[in-house]
């Protein structure tokens, strides 16, 4: 399996950033260091034309370590190329830099990931719940979230 051009370019500029990769069935995926995610996504957008962030989500692999993965799905609209970039995060520090300055659509996607998984995006200017109410306790898509947990009642003030 040979490296694809995006992988080679990242290795030239950030030699230790790519932790793993594959392109099975044409599904090109890079697993990269979390500390360099903004630089890597910037490189992919500016040098390879990945001008659309199609999706940003997370996966909880509890009890595996590292527990979380943040997954970015990028699209080069003109070249019809897709690329998946994954970042692994430890349970003890589920934080990663925001990419809202690169893709404005990341605003709501990062808020949704925070709301559902509790992963914080550093530098995000409006990090608050998107789908659940502010009084909701916990993050319901974490695998250790108790499915029978009762939440505070909310309702009209009057």
Foldseek 3Di string as FASTA:
>chain_A
DDDDPLVVVCCVVPVQFFPDWDQPPNATETEGEQACVLVSVVCCCPVVQQQDFPAWAKDACPPDPQGMKIWTWTARVVVRHIYIYIYGDRPVQLEGAQNCVRPVVSLLRQLDRCQAPVRYHPPRPDNAHDPDDRQFPDHNNHPPDDPPDDGDDDDDPD
